[in-house]
Amino acid sequence: FASLPRVVLESPDVTCVKKNHPYRVSIRVL
């Protein structure tokens, strides 16, 4: 939305998150 200065992306619920493990996130703006 043009009027909003920020974008917040919250994923669906996840399971099996492990401490100190990097997980990849890819974002595309169209």
PDB file of all heavy atoms in Angstrom:
ATOM      1  N   PHE A   1       0.840  -1.188   0.000  1.00  0.00           N
ATOM      2  CA  PHE A   1       0.000   0.000   0.000  1.00  0.00           C
ATOM      3  C   PHE A   1       0.878   1.241   0.000  1.00  0.00           C
ATOM      4  O   PHE A   1       1.812   1.355   0.793  1.00  0.00           O
ATOM      5  CB  PHE A   1      -0.929   0.001   1.220  1.00  0.00           C
ATOM      6  CG  PHE A   1      -1.922  -1.130   1.203  1.00  0.00           C
ATOM      7  CD1 PHE A   1      -1.650  -2.306   1.900  1.00  0.00           C
ATOM      8  CD2 PHE A   1      -3.097  -1.033   0.481  1.00  0.00           C
ATOM      9  CE1 PHE A   1      -2.554  -3.362   1.880  1.00  0.00           C
ATOM     10  CE2 PHE A   1      -4.001  -2.075   0.457  1.00  0.00           C
ATOM     11  CZ  PHE A   1      -3.731  -3.248   1.154  1.00  0.00           C
ATOM     12  N   ALA A   2       0.552   2.192  -0.873  1.00  0.00           N
ATOM     13  CA  ALA A   2       1.356   3.408  -1.024  1.00  0.00           C
ATOM     14  C   ALA A   2       1.439   4.209   0.268  1.00  0.00           C
ATOM     15  O   ALA A   2       2.456   4.836   0.553  1.00  0.00           O
ATOM     16  CB  ALA A   2       0.781   4.275  -2.144  1.00  0.00           C
ATOM     17  N   SER A   3       0.399   4.182   1.087  1.00  0.00           N
ATOM     18  CA  SER A   3       0.366   5.007   2.300  1.00  0.00           C
ATOM     19  C   SER A   3       1.154   4.410   3.467  1.00  0.00           C
ATOM     20  O   SER A   3       1.395   5.091   4.451  1.00  0.00           O
ATOM     21  CB  SER A   3      -1.076   5.234   2.734  1.00  0.00           C
ATOM     22  OG  SER A   3      -1.683   4.003   3.041  1.00  0.00           O
ATOM     23  N   LEU A   4       1.552   3.137   3.365  1.00  0.00           N
ATOM     24  CA  LEU A   4       2.261   2.493   4.475  1.00  0.00           C
ATOM     25  C   LEU A   4       3.765   2.486   4.219  1.00  0.00           C
ATOM     26  O   LEU A   4       4.212   1.940   3.211  1.00  0.00           O
ATOM     27  CB  LEU A   4       1.755   1.068   4.680  1.00  0.00           C
ATOM     28  CG  LEU A   4       0.282   0.944   5.052  1.00  0.00           C
ATOM     29  CD1 LEU A   4      -0.125  -0.519   5.178  1.00  0.00           C
ATOM     30  CD2 LEU A   4      -0.016   1.685   6.352  1.00  0.00           C
ATOM     31  N   PRO A   5       4.555   3.054   5.129  1.00  0.00           N
ATOM     32  CA  PRO A   5       5.999   3.144   4.918  1.00  0.00           C
ATOM     33  C   PRO A   5       6.745   1.837   5.198  1.00  0.00           C
ATOM     34  O   PRO A   5       7.881   1.677   4.793  1.00  0.00           O
ATOM     35  CB  PRO A   5       6.446   4.227   5.902  1.00  0.00           C
ATOM     36  CG  PRO A   5       5.439   4.172   6.997  1.00  0.00           C
ATOM     37  CD  PRO A   5       4.139   3.759   6.348  1.00  0.00           C
ATOM     38  N   ARG A   6       6.101   0.898   5.903  1.00  0.00           N
ATOM     39  CA  ARG A   6       6.754  -0.356   6.260  1.00  0.00           C
ATOM     40  C   ARG A   6       5.948  -1.549   5.784  1.00  0.00           C
ATOM     41  O   ARG A   6       4.734  -1.480   5.645  1.00  0.00           O
ATOM     42  CB  ARG A   6       6.932  -0.449   7.772  1.00  0.00           C
ATOM     43  CG  ARG A   6       7.997   0.488   8.275  1.00  0.00           C
ATOM     44  CD  ARG A   6       8.117   0.485   9.788  1.00  0.00           C
ATOM     45  NE  ARG A   6       8.878   1.639  10.228  1.00  0.00           N
ATOM     46  CZ  ARG A   6       8.404   2.859  10.383  1.00  0.00           C
ATOM     47  NH1 ARG A   6       7.144   3.097  10.133  1.00  0.00           N
ATOM     48  NH2 ARG A   6       9.176   3.846  10.765  1.00  0.00           N
ATOM     49  N   VAL A   7       6.652  -2.656   5.600  1.00  0.00           N
ATOM     50  CA  VAL A   7       6.038  -3.914   5.205  1.00  0.00           C
ATOM     51  C   VAL A   7       6.443  -4.954   6.247  1.00  0.00           C
ATOM     52  O   VAL A   7       7.634  -5.090   6.551  1.00  0.00           O
ATOM     53  CB  VAL A   7       6.519  -4.360   3.806  1.00  0.00           C
ATOM     54  CG1 VAL A   7       5.896  -5.675   3.408  1.00  0.00           C
ATOM     55  CG2 VAL A   7       6.239  -3.278   2.770  1.00  0.00           C
ATOM     56  N   VAL A   8       5.459  -5.649   6.810  1.00  0.00           N
ATOM     57  CA  VAL A   8       5.733  -6.696   7.793  1.00  0.00           C
ATOM     58  C   VAL A   8       5.293  -8.024   7.188  1.00  0.00           C
ATOM     59  O   VAL A   8       4.145  -8.169   6.773  1.00  0.00           O
ATOM     60  CB  VAL A   8       4.980  -6.429   9.112  1.00  0.00           C
ATOM     61  CG1 VAL A   8       5.220  -7.560  10.104  1.00  0.00           C
ATOM     62  CG2 VAL A   8       5.396  -5.093   9.705  1.00  0.00           C
ATOM     63  N   LEU A   9       6.220  -8.972   7.151  1.00  0.00           N
ATOM     64  CA  LEU A   9       5.937 -10.298   6.602  1.00  0.00           C
ATOM     65  C   LEU A   9       6.038 -11.315   7.733  1.00  0.00           C
ATOM     66  O   LEU A   9       7.102 -11.476   8.331  1.00  0.00           O
ATOM     67  CB  LEU A   9       6.943 -10.650   5.502  1.00  0.00           C
ATOM     68  CG  LEU A   9       7.046  -9.669   4.338  1.00  0.00           C
ATOM     69  CD1 LEU A   9       8.183 -10.074   3.410  1.00  0.00           C
ATOM     70  CD2 LEU A   9       5.730  -9.595   3.583  1.00  0.00           C
ATOM     71  N   GLU A  10       4.925 -11.982   8.047  1.00  0.00           N
ATOM     72  CA  GLU A  10       4.930 -13.038   9.053  1.00  0.00           C
ATOM     73  C   GLU A  10       4.550 -14.335   8.357  1.00  0.00           C
ATOM     74  O   GLU A  10       3.506 -14.427   7.708  1.00  0.00           O
ATOM     75  CB  GLU A  10       3.955 -12.732  10.189  1.00  0.00           C
ATOM     76  CG  GLU A  10       4.067 -13.731  11.310  1.00  0.00           C
ATOM     77  CD  GLU A  10       3.270 -13.347  12.552  1.00  0.00           C
ATOM     78  OE1 GLU A  10       2.491 -12.375  12.511  1.00  0.00           O
ATOM     79  OE2 GLU A  10       3.429 -14.033  13.568  1.00  0.00           O
ATOM     80  N   SER A  11       5.417 -15.322   8.480  1.00  0.00           N
ATOM     81  CA  SER A  11       5.209 -16.600   7.809  1.00  0.00           C
ATOM     82  C   SER A  11       4.057 -17.376   8.430  1.00  0.00           C
ATOM     83  O   SER A  11       3.620 -17.074   9.545  1.00  0.00           O
ATOM     84  CB  SER A  11       6.483 -17.453   7.924  1.00  0.00           C
ATOM     85  OG  SER A  11       6.613 -17.968   9.245  1.00  0.00           O
ATOM     86  N   PRO A  12       3.602 -18.402   7.716  1.00  0.00           N
ATOM     87  CA  PRO A  12       2.711 -19.360   8.378  1.00  0.00           C
ATOM     88  C   PRO A  12       3.485 -20.002   9.546  1.00  0.00           C
ATOM     89  O   PRO A  12       4.709 -19.922   9.611  1.00  0.00           O
ATOM     90  CB  PRO A  12       2.426 -20.392   7.280  1.00  0.00           C
ATOM     91  CG  PRO A  12       2.725 -19.690   5.989  1.00  0.00           C
ATOM     92  CD  PRO A  12       3.812 -18.706   6.303  1.00  0.00           C
ATOM     93  N   ASP A  13       2.773 -20.673  10.454  1.00  0.00           N
ATOM     94  CA  ASP A  13       3.421 -21.331  11.593  1.00  0.00           C
ATOM     95  C   ASP A  13       4.474 -22.327  11.114  1.00  0.00           C
ATOM     96  O   ASP A  13       4.282 -23.001  10.090  1.00  0.00           O
ATOM     97  CB  ASP A  13       2.388 -22.079  12.437  1.00  0.00           C
ATOM     98  CG  ASP A  13       1.397 -21.146  13.114  1.00  0.00           C
ATOM     99  OD1 ASP A  13       1.540 -19.910  12.973  1.00  0.00           O
ATOM    100  OD2 ASP A  13       0.484 -21.655  13.777  1.00  0.00           O
ATOM    101  N   VAL A  14       5.579 -22.397  11.865  1.00  0.00           N
ATOM    102  CA  VAL A  14       6.662 -23.330  11.544  1.00  0.00           C
ATOM    103  C   VAL A  14       6.909 -24.262  12.718  1.00  0.00           C
ATOM    104  O   VAL A  14       6.578 -23.951  13.867  1.00  0.00           O
ATOM    105  CB  VAL A  14       7.973 -22.585  11.177  1.00  0.00           C
ATOM    106  CG1 VAL A  14       7.808 -21.809   9.884  1.00  0.00           C
ATOM    107  CG2 VAL A  14       8.447 -21.682  12.296  1.00  0.00           C
ATOM    108  N   THR A  15       7.486 -25.408  12.420  1.00  0.00           N
ATOM    109  CA  THR A  15       7.898 -26.362  13.445  1.00  0.00           C
ATOM    110  C   THR A  15       9.344 -26.755  13.191  1.00  0.00           C
ATOM    111  O   THR A  15       9.878 -26.507  12.110  1.00  0.00           O
ATOM    112  CB  THR A  15       7.020 -27.637  13.439  1.00  0.00           C
ATOM    113  OG1 THR A  15       7.114 -28.253  12.155  1.00  0.00           O
ATOM    114  CG2 THR A  15       5.564 -27.334  13.752  1.00  0.00           C
ATOM    115  N   CYS A  16       9.972 -27.354  14.182  1.00  0.00           N
ATOM    116  CA  CYS A  16      11.334 -27.891  14.081  1.00  0.00           C
ATOM    117  C   CYS A  16      12.429 -26.830  13.995  1.00  0.00           C
ATOM    118  O   CYS A  16      13.512 -27.094  13.484  1.00  0.00           O
ATOM    119  CB  CYS A  16      11.455 -28.868  12.914  1.00  0.00           C
ATOM    120  SG  CYS A  16      10.319 -30.267  13.005  1.00  0.00           S
ATOM    121  N   VAL A  17      12.191 -25.622  14.505  1.00  0.00           N
ATOM    122  CA  VAL A  17      13.213 -24.571  14.494  1.00  0.00           C
ATOM    123  C   VAL A  17      14.339 -24.994  15.432  1.00  0.00           C
ATOM    124  O   VAL A  17      14.096 -25.378  16.574  1.00  0.00           O
ATOM    125  CB  VAL A  17      12.623 -23.216  14.947  1.00  0.00           C
ATOM    126  CG1 VAL A  17      13.707 -22.154  15.046  1.00  0.00           C
ATOM    127  CG2 VAL A  17      11.524 -22.775  14.000  1.00  0.00           C
ATOM    128  N   LYS A  18      15.563 -24.942  14.924  1.00  0.00           N
ATOM    129  CA  LYS A  18      16.738 -25.313  15.711  1.00  0.00           C
ATOM    130  C   LYS A  18      17.591 -24.085  16.002  1.00  0.00           C
ATOM    131  O   LYS A  18      17.796 -23.236  15.137  1.00  0.00           O
ATOM    132  CB  LYS A  18      17.590 -26.356  14.968  1.00  0.00           C
ATOM    133  CG  LYS A  18      16.876 -27.668  14.752  1.00  0.00           C
ATOM    134  CD  LYS A  18      16.637 -28.367  16.062  1.00  0.00           C
ATOM    135  CE  LYS A  18      15.880 -29.662  15.877  1.00  0.00           C
ATOM    136  NZ  LYS A  18      15.218 -30.097  17.071  1.00  0.00           N
ATOM    137  N   LYS A  19      18.103 -24.022  17.203  1.00  0.00           N
ATOM    138  CA  LYS A  19      18.978 -22.942  17.656  1.00  0.00           C
ATOM    139  C   LYS A  19      20.246 -22.882  16.797  1.00  0.00           C
ATOM    140  O   LYS A  19      20.814 -23.915  16.430  1.00  0.00           O
ATOM    141  CB  LYS A  19      19.345 -23.196  19.120  1.00  0.00           C
ATOM    142  CG  LYS A  19      20.284 -22.197  19.725  1.00  0.00           C
ATOM    143  CD  LYS A  19      20.563 -22.574  21.168  1.00  0.00           C
ATOM    144  CE  LYS A  19      21.492 -21.572  21.813  1.00  0.00           C
ATOM    145  NZ  LYS A  19      21.704 -21.865  23.231  1.00  0.00           N
ATOM    146  N   ASN A  20      20.649 -21.655  16.447  1.00  0.00           N
ATOM    147  CA  ASN A  20      21.885 -21.364  15.705  1.00  0.00           C
ATOM    148  C   ASN A  20      21.933 -21.933  14.283  1.00  0.00           C
ATOM    149  O   ASN A  20      22.995 -21.996  13.693  1.00  0.00           O
ATOM    150  CB  ASN A  20      23.116 -21.834  16.490  1.00  0.00           C
ATOM    151  CG  ASN A  20      23.262 -21.095  17.793  1.00  0.00           C
ATOM    152  OD1 ASN A  20      22.901 -19.919  17.907  1.00  0.00           O
ATOM    153  ND2 ASN A  20      23.767 -21.783  18.800  1.00  0.00           N
ATOM    154  N   HIS A  21      20.805 -22.339  13.744  1.00  0.00           N
ATOM    155  CA  HIS A  21      20.755 -22.827  12.362  1.00  0.00           C
ATOM    156  C   HIS A  21      20.206 -21.708  11.478  1.00  0.00           C
ATOM    157  O   HIS A  21      19.115 -21.221  11.720  1.00  0.00           O
ATOM    158  CB  HIS A  21      19.856 -24.051  12.288  1.00  0.00           C
ATOM    159  CG  HIS A  21      19.756 -24.661  10.911  1.00  0.00           C
ATOM    160  ND1 HIS A  21      19.847 -23.952   9.754  1.00  0.00           N
ATOM    161  CD2 HIS A  21      19.577 -25.938  10.516  1.00  0.00           C
ATOM    162  CE1 HIS A  21      19.709 -24.741   8.709  1.00  0.00           C
ATOM    163  NE2 HIS A  21      19.543 -25.961   9.154  1.00  0.00           N
ATOM    164  N   PRO A  22      20.959 -21.290  10.438  1.00  0.00           N
ATOM    165  CA  PRO A  22      20.432 -20.242   9.547  1.00  0.00           C
ATOM    166  C   PRO A  22      19.393 -20.807   8.571  1.00  0.00           C
ATOM    167  O   PRO A  22      19.639 -21.824   7.924  1.00  0.00           O
ATOM    168  CB  PRO A  22      21.681 -19.753   8.797  1.00  0.00           C
ATOM    169  CG  PRO A  22      22.648 -20.891   8.879  1.00  0.00           C
ATOM    170  CD  PRO A  22      22.322 -21.684  10.115  1.00  0.00           C
ATOM    171  N   TYR A  23      18.242 -20.148   8.492  1.00  0.00           N
ATOM    172  CA  TYR A  23      17.164 -20.541   7.581  1.00  0.00           C
ATOM    173  C   TYR A  23      17.007 -19.461   6.514  1.00  0.00           C
ATOM    174  O   TYR A  23      16.992 -18.279   6.809  1.00  0.00           O
ATOM    175  CB  TYR A  23      15.845 -20.728   8.350  1.00  0.00           C
ATOM    176  CG  TYR A  23      15.897 -21.870   9.332  1.00  0.00           C
ATOM    177  CD1 TYR A  23      16.147 -21.637  10.674  1.00  0.00           C
ATOM    178  CD2 TYR A  23      15.720 -23.183   8.913  1.00  0.00           C
ATOM    179  CE1 TYR A  23      16.199 -22.686  11.589  1.00  0.00           C
ATOM    180  CE2 TYR A  23      15.779 -24.238   9.813  1.00  0.00           C
ATOM    181  CZ  TYR A  23      16.019 -23.979  11.146  1.00  0.00           C
ATOM    182  OH  TYR A  23      16.079 -25.016  12.038  1.00  0.00           O
ATOM    183  N   ARG A  24      16.859 -19.894   5.262  1.00  0.00           N
ATOM    184  CA  ARG A  24      16.819 -18.993   4.106  1.00  0.00           C
ATOM    185  C   ARG A  24      15.444 -18.355   3.930  1.00  0.00           C
ATOM    186  O   ARG A  24      14.412 -19.010   4.080  1.00  0.00           O
ATOM    187  CB  ARG A  24      17.184 -19.784   2.850  1.00  0.00           C
ATOM    188  CG  ARG A  24      17.357 -18.956   1.601  1.00  0.00           C
ATOM    189  CD  ARG A  24      17.720 -19.813   0.396  1.00  0.00           C
ATOM    190  NE  ARG A  24      16.621 -20.678  -0.012  1.00  0.00           N
ATOM    191  CZ  ARG A  24      15.553 -20.286  -0.669  1.00  0.00           C
ATOM    192  NH1 ARG A  24      15.393 -19.018  -0.986  1.00  0.00           N
ATOM    193  NH2 ARG A  24      14.609 -21.137  -1.006  1.00  0.00           N
ATOM    194  N   VAL A  25      15.470 -17.058   3.562  1.00  0.00           N
ATOM    195  CA  VAL A  25      14.247 -16.318   3.220  1.00  0.00           C
ATOM    196  C   VAL A  25      14.522 -15.589   1.903  1.00  0.00           C
ATOM    197  O   VAL A  25      15.534 -14.894   1.773  1.00  0.00           O
ATOM    198  CB  VAL A  25      13.860 -15.297   4.313  1.00  0.00           C
ATOM    199  CG1 VAL A  25      12.634 -14.502   3.889  1.00  0.00           C
ATOM    200  CG2 VAL A  25      13.629 -15.983   5.643  1.00  0.00           C
ATOM    201  N   SER A  26      13.646 -15.766   0.925  1.00  0.00           N
ATOM    202  CA  SER A  26      13.739 -15.074  -0.364  1.00  0.00           C
ATOM    203  C   SER A  26      12.533 -14.167  -0.517  1.00  0.00           C
ATOM    204  O   SER A  26      11.398 -14.599  -0.281  1.00  0.00           O
ATOM    205  CB  SER A  26      13.745 -16.066  -1.527  1.00  0.00           C
ATOM    206  OG  SER A  26      14.858 -16.910  -1.443  1.00  0.00           O
ATOM    207  N   ILE A  27      12.792 -12.934  -0.926  1.00  0.00           N
ATOM    208  CA  ILE A  27      11.720 -11.951  -1.071  1.00  0.00           C
ATOM    209  C   ILE A  27      11.802 -11.341  -2.461  1.00  0.00           C
ATOM    210  O   ILE A  27      12.887 -10.948  -2.899  1.00  0.00           O
ATOM    211  CB  ILE A  27      11.837 -10.849   0.007  1.00  0.00           C
ATOM    212  CG1 ILE A  27      11.755 -11.475   1.395  1.00  0.00           C
ATOM    213  CG2 ILE A  27      10.768  -9.776  -0.187  1.00  0.00           C
ATOM    214  CD1 ILE A  27      12.154 -10.560   2.523  1.00  0.00           C
ATOM    215  N   ARG A  28      10.666 -11.256  -3.134  1.00  0.00           N
ATOM    216  CA  ARG A  28      10.596 -10.603  -4.444  1.00  0.00           C
ATOM    217  C   ARG A  28       9.532  -9.519  -4.409  1.00  0.00           C
ATOM    218  O   ARG A  28       8.441  -9.738  -3.877  1.00  0.00           O
ATOM    219  CB  ARG A  28      10.266 -11.608  -5.541  1.00  0.00           C
ATOM    220  CG  ARG A  28      11.346 -12.617  -5.764  1.00  0.00           C
ATOM    221  CD  ARG A  28      11.063 -13.584  -6.878  1.00  0.00           C
ATOM    222  NE  ARG A  28       9.675 -13.548  -7.305  1.00  0.00           N
ATOM    223  CZ  ARG A  28       9.206 -14.157  -8.368  1.00  0.00           C
ATOM    224  NH1 ARG A  28       9.973 -14.853  -9.131  1.00  0.00           N
ATOM    225  NH2 ARG A  28       7.940 -14.081  -8.689  1.00  0.00           N
ATOM    226  N   VAL A  29       9.865  -8.383  -4.978  1.00  0.00           N
ATOM    227  CA  VAL A  29       8.914  -7.278  -5.111  1.00  0.00           C
ATOM    228  C   VAL A  29       8.503  -7.233  -6.577  1.00  0.00           C
ATOM    229  O   VAL A  29       9.363  -7.167  -7.460  1.00  0.00           O
ATOM    230  CB  VAL A  29       9.545  -5.931  -4.681  1.00  0.00           C
ATOM    231  CG1 VAL A  29       8.519  -4.807  -4.808  1.00  0.00           C
ATOM    232  CG2 VAL A  29      10.091  -6.015  -3.266  1.00  0.00           C
ATOM    233  N   LEU A  30       7.197  -7.278  -6.822  1.00  0.00           N
ATOM    234  CA  LEU A  30       6.669  -7.289  -8.184  1.00  0.00           C
ATOM    235  C   LEU A  30       5.772  -6.083  -8.409  1.00  0.00           C
ATOM    236  O   LEU A  30       4.951  -5.746  -7.557  1.00  0.00           O
ATOM    237  CB  LEU A  30       5.874  -8.567  -8.442  1.00  0.00           C
ATOM    238  CG  LEU A  30       6.615  -9.888  -8.190  1.00  0.00           C
ATOM    239  CD1 LEU A  30       5.672 -11.054  -8.309  1.00  0.00           C
ATOM    240  CD2 LEU A  30       7.780 -10.041  -9.144  1.00  0.00           C
TER     241      LEU A  30
END
